[in-house]
């Protein structure tokens, strides 16, 4: 792989690890904060860090063509997704939530193939099928035989669909704006959408222990500000479907982190499911490395936004897949 591809691969890996750590922090902070208040606190912390980063790097407002994608991803992914997931995890067990939310990458691949004309490569579909089977095994092994709330399942499904639609909307915006710009303003829009929970956040913050508040801040700084930026950086260099398949590694890492930090020893079936998830990711990312289709007008802007050399007329674009 080229140096650009290695950087994109590293960015995707950083995102997966930090998003997996978010499940551990959400479990801790969610005991003290309600779903809307937790989402607002997380987004406010993330927007503050991202805004400071933009100021230091002197990145101004995104170009006008990027705003539709930023607005949609901000409302759906940063806003609806976080509130729905926080709420859903209070209604169903962790295994059921993990299983339902992992519908997201499948929806993402279908939407990207249809709306972004990325197509549905056989290896991608095969890898996603393997990973989904692994996620199902993890979910069933962690469910403990409890009954799932219908409302909780529907909320997790809403989170999955919102996440998938937000990613597909974000992809075209990255042709016109940098990963930092797209993430910063998407996070800010999500925070504004959650402002109705301000009163609840203030009241709960006054009563919550310091550890819960620190977990909320951690969620904003690392799994949101940093991880969403590295996600956007990697997404600009590969297809939405392939990036979605990469997130199937999250359940396997959540099992490992729960084992290390929460002293929750996984069973053999859980470990097997996690291994199957990782195998599916490997399959989905193998095969052809032809660059994703994009319009000629967007090549130079995407390259400039990512810091890569701009494509000149008559010169074939370099592959941007990690």
Foldseek 3Di string as FASTA:
>chain_A
DDPLQVLLVVLLVLLLLLLLVLVVLLVVLLVQAAQLLLLLLLLVLQLVVLVVVCVVVVPDAFDPVLVQLLLLLLCLQSALLSSLLSNLCVQAPPLLLQLLLLCQLVLLLVCCCPVVVQNDDPLLVQLSVLLSVLSNLLSVQRRVPDDGDPSSSVSSNSSSPSNSVSLSSNQVSLLGAALSNSLNSSSVSNSVVSVVCVVSNVVSVVVDDPSSSVSSSSSNHRSRNSSSSSLSLSCLQAPSSLSSLSSSLSQLSSQVVCCVPVVPPGDPSNNVSNVSSVVSNVSNLDDDQDAGDDDPVSQQNSCVSNVHDGDDPPRDDDRRHD
